[in-house]
Amino acid sequence: MASEHKHPNYMAIFWYLAILTVVEIAVIYLPLGKFTIGVLLCALALGKAALVAMYFMHLRFETRTLGMVAITPLLIATLLIFVLLPDGFAVAKRTV
């Protein structure tokens, strides 16, 4: 049985997510390269996903084992993206 924990301030989490969304929109208009903007947007999206998972899915208050079970699909998805990237670049070069 899970131990009792203090409930987080959900409005504060909402405002953090709203601020991160505004920052994401601002990043799009920065005069940076596409790669840099992509990295920044991915980092911000991971931060937002972590906030949602930790507080709305209550992973912050669970055991580490359950947290690792939740992180495993993220690692597998990242691995699959890196495995498939060369195929995507090959198609882009061929169709130009």
C-alpha atoms as a PDB file:
ATOM      1  CA  MET A   1       0.000   0.000   0.000  1.00  0.00           C
ATOM      2  CA  ALA A   2       1.301   3.428  -0.923  1.00  0.00           C
ATOM      3  CA  SER A   3       2.209   5.811   1.854  1.00  0.00           C
ATOM      4  CA  GLU A   4       0.371   9.092   2.235  1.00  0.00           C
ATOM      5  CA  HIS A   5       1.978  12.064   0.552  1.00  0.00           C
ATOM      6  CA  LYS A   6       1.253  15.740   0.319  1.00  0.00           C
ATOM      7  CA  HIS A   7      -0.716  16.591  -2.799  1.00  0.00           C
ATOM      8  CA  PRO A   8       1.148  18.924  -5.158  1.00  0.00           C
ATOM      9  CA  ASN A   9      -0.079  22.347  -6.107  1.00  0.00           C
ATOM     10  CA  TYR A  10      -1.663  21.498  -9.450  1.00  0.00           C
ATOM     11  CA  MET A  11      -2.173  25.143 -10.391  1.00  0.00           C
ATOM     12  CA  ALA A  12       1.559  25.755 -10.015  1.00  0.00           C
ATOM     13  CA  ILE A  13       2.254  22.783 -12.309  1.00  0.00           C
ATOM     14  CA  PHE A  14      -0.277  24.195 -14.779  1.00  0.00           C
ATOM     15  CA  TRP A  15       1.501  27.556 -14.808  1.00  0.00           C
ATOM     16  CA  TYR A  16       4.906  25.893 -15.255  1.00  0.00           C
ATOM     17  CA  LEU A  17       3.514  23.991 -18.248  1.00  0.00           C
ATOM     18  CA  ALA A  18       1.950  27.176 -19.660  1.00  0.00           C
ATOM     19  CA  ILE A  19       5.237  29.072 -19.300  1.00  0.00           C
ATOM     20  CA  LEU A  20       7.145  26.237 -21.005  1.00  0.00           C
ATOM     21  CA  THR A  21       4.611  26.342 -23.852  1.00  0.00           C
ATOM     22  CA  VAL A  22       5.160  30.087 -24.303  1.00  0.00           C
ATOM     23  CA  VAL A  23       8.932  29.492 -24.291  1.00  0.00           C
ATOM     24  CA  GLU A  24       8.494  26.805 -26.972  1.00  0.00           C
ATOM     25  CA  ILE A  25       6.576  29.241 -29.161  1.00  0.00           C
ATOM     26  CA  ALA A  26       9.253  31.897 -28.606  1.00  0.00           C
ATOM     27  CA  VAL A  27      12.023  29.440 -29.574  1.00  0.00           C
ATOM     28  CA  ILE A  28      10.435  28.941 -32.982  1.00  0.00           C
ATOM     29  CA  TYR A  29      10.995  32.611 -33.818  1.00  0.00           C
ATOM     30  CA  LEU A  30      14.631  32.750 -32.671  1.00  0.00           C
ATOM     31  CA  PRO A  31      17.210  33.331 -35.426  1.00  0.00           C
ATOM     32  CA  LEU A  32      18.945  29.989 -34.888  1.00  0.00           C
ATOM     33  CA  GLY A  33      19.640  27.014 -37.093  1.00  0.00           C
ATOM     34  CA  LYS A  34      17.074  24.272 -37.555  1.00  0.00           C
ATOM     35  CA  PHE A  35      19.143  21.771 -35.590  1.00  0.00           C
ATOM     36  CA  THR A  36      19.525  24.089 -32.598  1.00  0.00           C
ATOM     37  CA  ILE A  37      15.826  24.918 -32.582  1.00  0.00           C
ATOM     38  CA  GLY A  38      14.992  21.212 -32.801  1.00  0.00           C
ATOM     39  CA  VAL A  39      17.243  20.387 -29.863  1.00  0.00           C
ATOM     40  CA  LEU A  40      15.747  23.203 -27.777  1.00  0.00           C
ATOM     41  CA  LEU A  41      12.188  22.150 -28.601  1.00  0.00           C
ATOM     42  CA  CYS A  42      12.941  18.513 -27.759  1.00  0.00           C
ATOM     43  CA  ALA A  43      14.495  19.507 -24.434  1.00  0.00           C
ATOM     44  CA  LEU A  44      11.489  21.663 -23.552  1.00  0.00           C
ATOM     45  CA  ALA A  45       9.081  18.889 -24.567  1.00  0.00           C
ATOM     46  CA  LEU A  46      10.965  16.389 -22.402  1.00  0.00           C
ATOM     47  CA  GLY A  47      10.760  18.808 -19.485  1.00  0.00           C
ATOM     48  CA  LYS A  48       7.019  19.160 -19.937  1.00  0.00           C
ATOM     49  CA  ALA A  49       6.580  15.401 -20.251  1.00  0.00           C
ATOM     50  CA  ALA A  50       8.595  14.897 -17.072  1.00  0.00           C
ATOM     51  CA  LEU A  51       6.392  17.363 -15.174  1.00  0.00           C
ATOM     52  CA  VAL A  52       3.228  15.633 -16.355  1.00  0.00           C
ATOM     53  CA  ALA A  53       4.573  12.168 -15.550  1.00  0.00           C
ATOM     54  CA  MET A  54       5.909  13.155 -12.138  1.00  0.00           C
ATOM     55  CA  TYR A  55       2.882  15.022 -10.835  1.00  0.00           C
ATOM     56  CA  PHE A  56      -0.236  14.107 -12.832  1.00  0.00           C
ATOM     57  CA  MET A  57       0.719  10.425 -13.085  1.00  0.00           C
ATOM     58  CA  HIS A  58       2.045  10.524  -9.480  1.00  0.00           C
ATOM     59  CA  LEU A  59       5.373   8.905 -10.394  1.00  0.00           C
ATOM     60  CA  ARG A  60       7.174  11.315  -8.086  1.00  0.00           C
ATOM     61  CA  PHE A  61       5.613   9.574  -5.110  1.00  0.00           C
ATOM     62  CA  GLU A  62       6.110   5.974  -6.268  1.00  0.00           C
ATOM     63  CA  THR A  63       9.021   3.617  -5.829  1.00  0.00           C
ATOM     64  CA  ARG A  64      12.013   3.837  -8.154  1.00  0.00           C
ATOM     65  CA  THR A  65      11.118   0.528  -9.769  1.00  0.00           C
ATOM     66  CA  LEU A  66       7.841   1.895 -11.097  1.00  0.00           C
ATOM     67  CA  GLY A  67       9.672   4.975 -12.367  1.00  0.00           C
ATOM     68  CA  MET A  68      12.103   2.782 -14.276  1.00  0.00           C
ATOM     69  CA  VAL A  69       9.192   0.869 -15.784  1.00  0.00           C
ATOM     70  CA  ALA A  70       7.792   4.196 -16.992  1.00  0.00           C
ATOM     71  CA  ILE A  71      11.138   5.362 -18.445  1.00  0.00           C
ATOM     72  CA  THR A  72      11.862   2.126 -20.347  1.00  0.00           C
ATOM     73  CA  PRO A  73       9.489   2.863 -23.289  1.00  0.00           C
ATOM     74  CA  LEU A  74      11.071   6.313 -23.657  1.00  0.00           C
ATOM     75  CA  LEU A  75      14.508   4.734 -23.969  1.00  0.00           C
ATOM     76  CA  ILE A  76      13.256   2.173 -26.496  1.00  0.00           C
ATOM     77  CA  ALA A  77      11.569   4.896 -28.571  1.00  0.00           C
ATOM     78  CA  THR A  78      14.766   6.961 -28.564  1.00  0.00           C
ATOM     79  CA  LEU A  79      16.779   3.949 -29.701  1.00  0.00           C
ATOM     80  CA  LEU A  80      14.320   3.257 -32.526  1.00  0.00           C
ATOM     81  CA  ILE A  81      14.483   6.865 -33.707  1.00  0.00           C
ATOM     82  CA  PHE A  82      18.279   6.748 -33.904  1.00  0.00           C
ATOM     83  CA  VAL A  83      18.155   3.386 -35.701  1.00  0.00           C
ATOM     84  CA  LEU A  84      15.693   4.744 -38.303  1.00  0.00           C
ATOM     85  CA  LEU A  85      17.401   8.107 -38.895  1.00  0.00           C
ATOM     86  CA  PRO A  86      19.821   6.799 -41.576  1.00  0.00           C
ATOM     87  CA  ASP A  87      16.894   5.437 -43.609  1.00  0.00           C
ATOM     88  CA  GLY A  88      15.151   8.802 -43.480  1.00  0.00           C
ATOM     89  CA  PHE A  89      18.262  10.625 -44.661  1.00  0.00           C
ATOM     90  CA  ALA A  90      18.727   8.147 -47.509  1.00  0.00           C
ATOM     91  CA  VAL A  91      15.187   8.756 -48.780  1.00  0.00           C
ATOM     92  CA  ALA A  92      15.637  12.540 -48.522  1.00  0.00           C
ATOM     93  CA  LYS A  93      18.825  12.428 -50.625  1.00  0.00           C
ATOM     94  CA  ARG A  94      17.255  10.169 -53.207  1.00  0.00           C
ATOM     95  CA  THR A  95      14.121  12.252 -53.766  1.00  0.00           C
ATOM     96  CA  VAL A  96      15.828  15.617 -54.149  1.00  0.00           C
END
